[in-house]
């Protein structure tokens, strides 16, 4: 297991134990980075206008289109580290 993958896995665990709940914009950033790091570019259809949460999540993920797995993992680790303060 690479150092980056280990750091990513640790950050995923840490994200569940943050002292404060991040604001919605930050939560969407965390979600998008996680999806990009674990699944790659956004797939499937964008949810309809009646599914506001699903649409926001999809948009956060799709905004990272073309970002490499490694770059997304590193950005995720950096963001969680920053939030842990």
PDB file of N, CA and C in Angstrom:
ATOM      1  N   UNK A   1       0.854  -1.183   0.000  1.00  0.00           N
ATOM      2  CA  UNK A   1       0.000   0.000   0.000  1.00  0.00           C
ATOM      3  C   UNK A   1       0.898   1.243   0.000  1.00  0.00           C
ATOM      4  N   UNK A   2       0.593   2.151  -0.874  1.00  0.00           N
ATOM      5  CA  UNK A   2       1.404   3.362  -0.966  1.00  0.00           C
ATOM      6  C   UNK A   2       1.169   4.277   0.236  1.00  0.00           C
ATOM      7  N   UNK A   3       2.122   5.152   0.454  1.00  0.00           N
ATOM      8  CA  UNK A   3       1.987   6.116   1.557  1.00  0.00           C
ATOM      9  C   UNK A   3       0.759   7.007   1.357  1.00  0.00           C
ATOM     10  N   UNK A   4       0.536   7.433   0.110  1.00  0.00           N
ATOM     11  CA  UNK A   4      -0.601   8.310  -0.176  1.00  0.00           C
ATOM     12  C   UNK A   4      -1.922   7.599   0.101  1.00  0.00           C
ATOM     13  N   UNK A   5      -2.035   6.341  -0.312  1.00  0.00           N
ATOM     14  CA  UNK A   5      -3.269   5.570  -0.076  1.00  0.00           C
ATOM     15  C   UNK A   5      -3.500   5.398   1.421  1.00  0.00           C
ATOM     16  N   UNK A   6      -2.432   5.133   2.171  1.00  0.00           N
ATOM     17  CA  UNK A   6      -2.549   4.983   3.624  1.00  0.00           C
ATOM     18  C   UNK A   6      -2.984   6.301   4.256  1.00  0.00           C
ATOM     19  N   UNK A   7      -2.411   7.410   3.802  1.00  0.00           N
ATOM     20  CA  UNK A   7      -2.778   8.734   4.323  1.00  0.00           C
ATOM     21  C   UNK A   7      -4.229   9.054   3.971  1.00  0.00           C
ATOM     22  N   UNK A   8      -4.651   8.683   2.758  1.00  0.00           N
ATOM     23  CA  UNK A   8      -6.033   8.902   2.323  1.00  0.00           C
ATOM     24  C   UNK A   8      -6.996   8.108   3.208  1.00  0.00           C
ATOM     25  N   UNK A   9      -6.694   6.834   3.427  1.00  0.00           N
ATOM     26  CA  UNK A   9      -7.548   5.996   4.263  1.00  0.00           C
ATOM     27  C   UNK A   9      -7.642   6.548   5.686  1.00  0.00           C
ATOM     28  N   UNK A  10      -6.519   7.037   6.214  1.00  0.00           N
ATOM     29  CA  UNK A  10      -6.515   7.638   7.554  1.00  0.00           C
ATOM     30  C   UNK A  10      -7.365   8.908   7.571  1.00  0.00           C
ATOM     31  N   UNK A  11      -7.273   9.706   6.503  1.00  0.00           N
ATOM     32  CA  UNK A  11      -8.056  10.944   6.416  1.00  0.00           C
ATOM     33  C   UNK A  11      -9.549  10.643   6.326  1.00  0.00           C
ATOM     34  N   UNK A  12      -9.909   9.581   5.615  1.00  0.00           N
ATOM     35  CA  UNK A  12     -11.318   9.173   5.530  1.00  0.00           C
ATOM     36  C   UNK A  12     -11.832   8.843   6.931  1.00  0.00           C
ATOM     37  N   UNK A  13     -11.045   8.106   7.696  1.00  0.00           N
ATOM     38  CA  UNK A  13     -11.441   7.776   9.070  1.00  0.00           C
ATOM     39  C   UNK A  13     -11.515   9.049   9.923  1.00  0.00           C
ATOM     40  N   UNK A  14     -10.540   9.931   9.765  1.00  0.00           N
ATOM     41  CA  UNK A  14     -10.515  11.187  10.525  1.00  0.00           C
ATOM     42  C   UNK A  14     -11.704  12.080  10.188  1.00  0.00           C
ATOM     43  N   UNK A  15     -12.169  12.016   8.951  1.00  0.00           N
ATOM     44  CA  UNK A  15     -13.279  12.880   8.528  1.00  0.00           C
ATOM     45  C   UNK A  15     -14.556  12.574   9.303  1.00  0.00           C
ATOM     46  N   UNK A  16     -14.661  11.374   9.820  1.00  0.00           N
ATOM     47  CA  UNK A  16     -15.834  10.981  10.592  1.00  0.00           C
ATOM     48  C   UNK A  16     -15.779  11.494  12.033  1.00  0.00           C
ATOM     49  N   UNK A  17     -14.595  11.979  12.448  1.00  0.00           N
ATOM     50  CA  UNK A  17     -14.409  12.391  13.837  1.00  0.00           C
ATOM     51  C   UNK A  17     -13.977  13.851  13.978  1.00  0.00           C
ATOM     52  N   UNK A  18     -14.372  14.699  13.054  1.00  0.00           N
ATOM     53  CA  UNK A  18     -14.018  16.107  13.144  1.00  0.00           C
ATOM     54  C   UNK A  18     -14.727  16.738  14.341  1.00  0.00           C
ATOM     55  N   UNK A  19     -14.042  17.665  14.998  1.00  0.00           N
ATOM     56  CA  UNK A  19     -14.603  18.318  16.183  1.00  0.00           C
ATOM     57  C   UNK A  19     -15.868  19.094  15.844  1.00  0.00           C
ATOM     58  N   UNK A  20     -15.861  19.764  14.704  1.00  0.00           N
ATOM     59  CA  UNK A  20     -17.026  20.539  14.268  1.00  0.00           C
ATOM     60  C   UNK A  20     -17.481  20.058  12.896  1.00  0.00           C
ATOM     61  N   UNK A  21     -18.783  20.130  12.666  1.00  0.00           N
ATOM     62  CA  UNK A  21     -19.321  19.773  11.353  1.00  0.00           C
ATOM     63  C   UNK A  21     -19.002  20.906  10.386  1.00  0.00           C
ATOM     64  N   UNK A  22     -18.335  20.583   9.270  1.00  0.00           N
ATOM     65  CA  UNK A  22     -18.019  21.626   8.275  1.00  0.00           C
ATOM     66  C   UNK A  22     -19.286  22.202   7.647  1.00  0.00           C
ATOM     67  N   UNK A  23     -19.153  23.394   7.063  1.00  0.00           N
ATOM     68  CA  UNK A  23     -20.291  23.995   6.365  1.00  0.00           C
ATOM     69  C   UNK A  23     -20.593  23.179   5.105  1.00  0.00           C
ATOM     70  N   UNK A  24     -21.745  23.433   4.512  1.00  0.00           N
ATOM     71  CA  UNK A  24     -22.191  22.642   3.354  1.00  0.00           C
ATOM     72  C   UNK A  24     -21.228  22.713   2.178  1.00  0.00           C
ATOM     73  N   UNK A  25     -20.660  23.881   1.925  1.00  0.00           N
ATOM     74  CA  UNK A  25     -19.721  24.024   0.812  1.00  0.00           C
ATOM     75  C   UNK A  25     -18.508  23.118   1.020  1.00  0.00           C
ATOM     76  N   UNK A  26     -18.003  23.080   2.243  1.00  0.00           N
ATOM     77  CA  UNK A  26     -16.851  22.233   2.559  1.00  0.00           C
ATOM     78  C   UNK A  26     -17.234  20.763   2.498  1.00  0.00           C
ATOM     79  N   UNK A  27     -18.419  20.420   2.973  1.00  0.00           N
ATOM     80  CA  UNK A  27     -18.878  19.034   2.894  1.00  0.00           C
ATOM     81  C   UNK A  27     -18.965  18.561   1.443  1.00  0.00           C
ATOM     82  N   UNK A  28     -19.432  19.432   0.573  1.00  0.00           N
ATOM     83  CA  UNK A  28     -19.506  19.077  -0.855  1.00  0.00           C
ATOM     84  C   UNK A  28     -18.106  18.909  -1.445  1.00  0.00           C
ATOM     85  N   UNK A  29     -17.172  19.728  -1.014  1.00  0.00           N
ATOM     86  CA  UNK A  29     -15.776  19.608  -1.479  1.00  0.00           C
ATOM     87  C   UNK A  29     -15.198  18.268  -1.015  1.00  0.00           C
ATOM     88  N   UNK A  30     -15.450  17.915   0.252  1.00  0.00           N
ATOM     89  CA  UNK A  30     -14.983  16.630   0.789  1.00  0.00           C
ATOM     90  C   UNK A  30     -15.580  15.483  -0.027  1.00  0.00           C
ATOM     91  N   UNK A  31     -16.886  15.556  -0.289  1.00  0.00           N
ATOM     92  CA  UNK A  31     -17.572  14.517  -1.048  1.00  0.00           C
ATOM     93  C   UNK A  31     -16.985  14.384  -2.459  1.00  0.00           C
ATOM     94  N   UNK A  32     -16.837  15.515  -3.135  1.00  0.00           N
ATOM     95  CA  UNK A  32     -16.322  15.483  -4.501  1.00  0.00           C
ATOM     96  C   UNK A  32     -14.918  14.909  -4.572  1.00  0.00           C
ATOM     97  N   UNK A  33     -14.062  15.318  -3.649  1.00  0.00           N
ATOM     98  CA  UNK A  33     -12.687  14.795  -3.634  1.00  0.00           C
ATOM     99  C   UNK A  33     -12.674  13.298  -3.336  1.00  0.00           C
ATOM    100  N   UNK A  34     -13.515  12.872  -2.402  1.00  0.00           N
ATOM    101  CA  UNK A  34     -13.583  11.449  -2.079  1.00  0.00           C
ATOM    102  C   UNK A  34     -14.014  10.630  -3.298  1.00  0.00           C
ATOM    103  N   UNK A  35     -15.077  11.071  -3.953  1.00  0.00           N
ATOM    104  CA  UNK A  35     -15.577  10.342  -5.130  1.00  0.00           C
ATOM    105  C   UNK A  35     -14.544  10.324  -6.256  1.00  0.00           C
ATOM    106  N   UNK A  36     -13.880  11.468  -6.483  1.00  0.00           N
ATOM    107  CA  UNK A  36     -12.878  11.535  -7.547  1.00  0.00           C
ATOM    108  C   UNK A  36     -11.705  10.611  -7.231  1.00  0.00           C
ATOM    109  N   UNK A  37     -11.300  10.587  -5.958  1.00  0.00           N
ATOM    110  CA  UNK A  37     -10.174   9.747  -5.555  1.00  0.00           C
ATOM    111  C   UNK A  37     -10.515   8.261  -5.606  1.00  0.00           C
ATOM    112  N   UNK A  38     -11.748   7.920  -5.261  1.00  0.00           N
ATOM    113  CA  UNK A  38     -12.107   6.504  -5.178  1.00  0.00           C
ATOM    114  C   UNK A  38     -12.741   5.944  -6.453  1.00  0.00           C
ATOM    115  N   UNK A  39     -13.384   6.788  -7.267  1.00  0.00           N
ATOM    116  CA  UNK A  39     -14.081   6.271  -8.449  1.00  0.00           C
ATOM    117  C   UNK A  39     -13.663   6.909  -9.770  1.00  0.00           C
ATOM    118  N   UNK A  40     -12.911   8.005  -9.713  1.00  0.00           N
ATOM    119  CA  UNK A  40     -12.520   8.688 -10.944  1.00  0.00           C
ATOM    120  C   UNK A  40     -13.574   9.697 -11.374  1.00  0.00           C
ATOM    121  N   UNK A  41     -13.567  10.048 -12.640  1.00  0.00           N
ATOM    122  CA  UNK A  41     -14.484  11.063 -13.161  1.00  0.00           C
ATOM    123  C   UNK A  41     -15.950  10.684 -12.956  1.00  0.00           C
ATOM    124  N   UNK A  42     -16.772  11.718 -12.781  1.00  0.00           N
ATOM    125  CA  UNK A  42     -18.207  11.527 -12.550  1.00  0.00           C
ATOM    126  C   UNK A  42     -18.834  10.729 -13.688  1.00  0.00           C
ATOM    127  N   UNK A  43     -19.713   9.817 -13.285  1.00  0.00           N
ATOM    128  CA  UNK A  43     -20.397   8.968 -14.257  1.00  0.00           C
ATOM    129  C   UNK A  43     -21.904   9.086 -14.050  1.00  0.00           C
ATOM    130  N   UNK A  44     -22.635   8.643 -15.027  1.00  0.00           N
ATOM    131  CA  UNK A  44     -24.085   8.615 -14.900  1.00  0.00           C
ATOM    132  C   UNK A  44     -24.710   9.957 -15.209  1.00  0.00           C
ATOM    133  N   UNK A  45     -26.021   9.970 -15.065  1.00  0.00           N
ATOM    134  CA  UNK A  45     -26.801  11.160 -15.352  1.00  0.00           C
ATOM    135  C   UNK A  45     -26.851  12.074 -14.143  1.00  0.00           C
ATOM    136  N   UNK A  46     -26.863  13.360 -14.415  1.00  0.00           N
ATOM    137  CA  UNK A  46     -27.020  14.354 -13.342  1.00  0.00           C
ATOM    138  C   UNK A  46     -28.444  14.238 -12.810  1.00  0.00           C
ATOM    139  N   UNK A  47     -28.597  14.173 -11.475  1.00  0.00           N
ATOM    140  CA  UNK A  47     -29.953  14.081 -10.903  1.00  0.00           C
ATOM    141  C   UNK A  47     -30.818  15.268 -11.329  1.00  0.00           C
ATOM    142  N   UNK A  48     -32.111  15.034 -11.352  1.00  0.00           N
ATOM    143  CA  UNK A  48     -33.067  16.059 -11.759  1.00  0.00           C
ATOM    144  C   UNK A  48     -33.185  17.184 -10.753  1.00  0.00           C
ATOM    145  N   UNK A  49     -33.886  18.226 -11.136  1.00  0.00           N
ATOM    146  CA  UNK A  49     -34.002  19.422 -10.305  1.00  0.00           C
ATOM    147  C   UNK A  49     -34.757  19.184  -9.003  1.00  0.00           C
ATOM    148  N   UNK A  50     -35.488  18.092  -8.892  1.00  0.00           N
ATOM    149  CA  UNK A  50     -36.208  17.809  -7.653  1.00  0.00           C
ATOM    150  C   UNK A  50     -35.310  17.178  -6.595  1.00  0.00           C
ATOM    151  N   UNK A  51     -34.154  16.665  -7.002  1.00  0.00           N
ATOM    152  CA  UNK A  51     -33.199  16.051  -6.076  1.00  0.00           C
ATOM    153  C   UNK A  51     -32.051  17.035  -5.846  1.00  0.00           C
ATOM    154  N   UNK A  52     -32.306  18.034  -5.013  1.00  0.00           N
ATOM    155  CA  UNK A  52     -31.328  19.102  -4.811  1.00  0.00           C
ATOM    156  C   UNK A  52     -30.021  18.607  -4.213  1.00  0.00           C
ATOM    157  N   UNK A  53     -30.103  17.720  -3.237  1.00  0.00           N
ATOM    158  CA  UNK A  53     -28.895  17.206  -2.586  1.00  0.00           C
ATOM    159  C   UNK A  53     -28.090  16.354  -3.563  1.00  0.00           C
ATOM    160  N   UNK A  54     -28.754  15.448  -4.240  1.00  0.00           N
ATOM    161  CA  UNK A  54     -28.070  14.600  -5.219  1.00  0.00           C
ATOM    162  C   UNK A  54     -27.440  15.413  -6.327  1.00  0.00           C
ATOM    163  N   UNK A  55     -28.128  16.449  -6.757  1.00  0.00           N
ATOM    164  CA  UNK A  55     -27.616  17.324  -7.818  1.00  0.00           C
ATOM    165  C   UNK A  55     -26.374  18.083  -7.340  1.00  0.00           C
ATOM    166  N   UNK A  56     -26.405  18.595  -6.107  1.00  0.00           N
ATOM    167  CA  UNK A  56     -25.259  19.322  -5.554  1.00  0.00           C
ATOM    168  C   UNK A  56     -24.050  18.396  -5.404  1.00  0.00           C
ATOM    169  N   UNK A  57     -24.297  17.172  -4.953  1.00  0.00           N
ATOM    170  CA  UNK A  57     -23.212  16.202  -4.815  1.00  0.00           C
ATOM    171  C   UNK A  57     -22.615  15.861  -6.184  1.00  0.00           C
ATOM    172  N   UNK A  58     -23.478  15.621  -7.147  1.00  0.00           N
ATOM    173  CA  UNK A  58     -23.006  15.295  -8.494  1.00  0.00           C
ATOM    174  C   UNK A  58     -22.178  16.451  -9.065  1.00  0.00           C
ATOM    175  N   UNK A  59     -22.655  17.673  -8.887  1.00  0.00           N
ATOM    176  CA  UNK A  59     -21.945  18.843  -9.400  1.00  0.00           C
ATOM    177  C   UNK A  59     -20.577  19.002  -8.736  1.00  0.00           C
ATOM    178  N   UNK A  60     -20.502  18.736  -7.420  1.00  0.00           N
ATOM    179  CA  UNK A  60     -19.225  18.829  -6.709  1.00  0.00           C
ATOM    180  C   UNK A  60     -18.233  17.808  -7.254  1.00  0.00           C
ATOM    181  N   UNK A  61     -18.717  16.619  -7.567  1.00  0.00           N
ATOM    182  CA  UNK A  61     -17.870  15.573  -8.121  1.00  0.00           C
ATOM    183  C   UNK A  61     -17.491  15.910  -9.562  1.00  0.00           C
ATOM    184  N   UNK A  62     -18.455  16.317 -10.369  1.00  0.00           N
ATOM    185  CA  UNK A  62     -18.206  16.620 -11.782  1.00  0.00           C
ATOM    186  C   UNK A  62     -17.248  17.799 -11.955  1.00  0.00           C
ATOM    187  N   UNK A  63     -17.212  18.704 -10.984  1.00  0.00           N
ATOM    188  CA  UNK A  63     -16.306  19.859 -11.056  1.00  0.00           C
ATOM    189  C   UNK A  63     -14.843  19.425 -11.023  1.00  0.00           C
ATOM    190  N   UNK A  64     -14.579  18.223 -10.574  1.00  0.00           N
ATOM    191  CA  UNK A  64     -13.210  17.710 -10.480  1.00  0.00           C
ATOM    192  C   UNK A  64     -12.833  16.839 -11.667  1.00  0.00           C
ATOM    193  N   UNK A  65     -13.657  16.851 -12.694  1.00  0.00           N
ATOM    194  CA  UNK A  65     -13.424  16.066 -13.913  1.00  0.00           C
ATOM    195  C   UNK A  65     -11.990  16.247 -14.392  1.00  0.00           C
ATOM    196  N   UNK A  66     -11.305  15.144 -14.643  1.00  0.00           N
ATOM    197  CA  UNK A  66      -9.939  15.202 -15.165  1.00  0.00           C
ATOM    198  C   UNK A  66      -8.863  15.248 -14.085  1.00  0.00           C
ATOM    199  N   UNK A  67      -9.254  15.416 -12.835  1.00  0.00           N
ATOM    200  CA  UNK A  67      -8.280  15.406 -11.747  1.00  0.00           C
ATOM    201  C   UNK A  67      -7.817  13.968 -11.529  1.00  0.00           C
ATOM    202  N   UNK A  68      -6.518  13.769 -11.417  1.00  0.00           N
ATOM    203  CA  UNK A  68      -6.001  12.412 -11.230  1.00  0.00           C
ATOM    204  C   UNK A  68      -6.385  11.872  -9.855  1.00  0.00           C
ATOM    205  N   UNK A  69      -6.371  10.564  -9.737  1.00  0.00           N
ATOM    206  CA  UNK A  69      -6.674   9.911  -8.468  1.00  0.00           C
ATOM    207  C   UNK A  69      -5.718  10.391  -7.384  1.00  0.00           C
ATOM    208  N   UNK A  70      -4.433  10.451  -7.726  1.00  0.00           N
ATOM    209  CA  UNK A  70      -3.419  10.859  -6.759  1.00  0.00           C
ATOM    210  C   UNK A  70      -3.626  12.306  -6.308  1.00  0.00           C
ATOM    211  N   UNK A  71      -3.926  13.194  -7.245  1.00  0.00           N
ATOM    212  CA  UNK A  71      -4.144  14.603  -6.902  1.00  0.00           C
ATOM    213  C   UNK A  71      -5.379  14.760  -6.020  1.00  0.00           C
ATOM    214  N   UNK A  72      -6.440  14.002  -6.322  1.00  0.00           N
ATOM    215  CA  UNK A  72      -7.656  14.064  -5.519  1.00  0.00           C
ATOM    216  C   UNK A  72      -7.399  13.520  -4.115  1.00  0.00           C
ATOM    217  N   UNK A  73      -6.651  12.433  -4.027  1.00  0.00           N
ATOM    218  CA  UNK A  73      -6.316  11.876  -2.710  1.00  0.00           C
ATOM    219  C   UNK A  73      -5.528  12.890  -1.887  1.00  0.00           C
ATOM    220  N   UNK A  74      -4.530  13.509  -2.505  1.00  0.00           N
ATOM    221  CA  UNK A  74      -3.701  14.474  -1.782  1.00  0.00           C
ATOM    222  C   UNK A  74      -4.520  15.683  -1.339  1.00  0.00           C
ATOM    223  N   UNK A  75      -5.389  16.169  -2.205  1.00  0.00           N
ATOM    224  CA  UNK A  75      -6.242  17.309  -1.861  1.00  0.00           C
ATOM    225  C   UNK A  75      -7.180  16.945  -0.718  1.00  0.00           C
ATOM    226  N   UNK A  76      -7.698  15.717  -0.725  1.00  0.00           N
ATOM    227  CA  UNK A  76      -8.578  15.243   0.343  1.00  0.00           C
ATOM    228  C   UNK A  76      -7.820  15.203   1.669  1.00  0.00           C
ATOM    229  N   UNK A  77      -6.632  14.609   1.650  1.00  0.00           N
ATOM    230  CA  UNK A  77      -5.804  14.520   2.851  1.00  0.00           C
ATOM    231  C   UNK A  77      -5.501  15.923   3.383  1.00  0.00           C
ATOM    232  N   UNK A  78      -5.117  16.829   2.488  1.00  0.00           N
ATOM    233  CA  UNK A  78      -4.799  18.206   2.890  1.00  0.00           C
ATOM    234  C   UNK A  78      -6.005  18.901   3.512  1.00  0.00           C
ATOM    235  N   UNK A  79      -7.178  18.736   2.908  1.00  0.00           N
ATOM    236  CA  UNK A  79      -8.395  19.378   3.414  1.00  0.00           C
ATOM    237  C   UNK A  79      -8.772  18.849   4.797  1.00  0.00           C
ATOM    238  N   UNK A  80      -8.738  17.544   4.974  1.00  0.00           N
ATOM    239  CA  UNK A  80      -9.092  16.950   6.268  1.00  0.00           C
ATOM    240  C   UNK A  80      -8.076  17.369   7.328  1.00  0.00           C
ATOM    241  N   UNK A  81      -6.801  17.403   6.967  1.00  0.00           N
ATOM    242  CA  UNK A  81      -5.753  17.834   7.905  1.00  0.00           C
ATOM    243  C   UNK A  81      -6.010  19.271   8.339  1.00  0.00           C
ATOM    244  N   UNK A  82      -6.380  20.119   7.385  1.00  0.00           N
ATOM    245  CA  UNK A  82      -6.680  21.522   7.690  1.00  0.00           C
ATOM    246  C   UNK A  82      -7.891  21.634   8.616  1.00  0.00           C
ATOM    247  N   UNK A  83      -8.912  20.828   8.363  1.00  0.00           N
ATOM    248  CA  UNK A  83     -10.124  20.874   9.175  1.00  0.00           C
ATOM    249  C   UNK A  83      -9.893  20.356  10.601  1.00  0.00           C
ATOM    250  N   UNK A  84      -8.967  19.419  10.728  1.00  0.00           N
ATOM    251  CA  UNK A  84      -8.647  18.889  12.055  1.00  0.00           C
ATOM    252  C   UNK A  84      -7.955  19.948  12.906  1.00  0.00           C
ATOM    253  N   UNK A  85      -7.302  20.893  12.213  1.00  0.00           N
ATOM    254  CA  UNK A  85      -6.686  22.041  12.850  1.00  0.00           C
ATOM    255  C   UNK A  85      -5.568  21.705  13.742  1.00  0.00           C
TER     256      UNK A  85
END
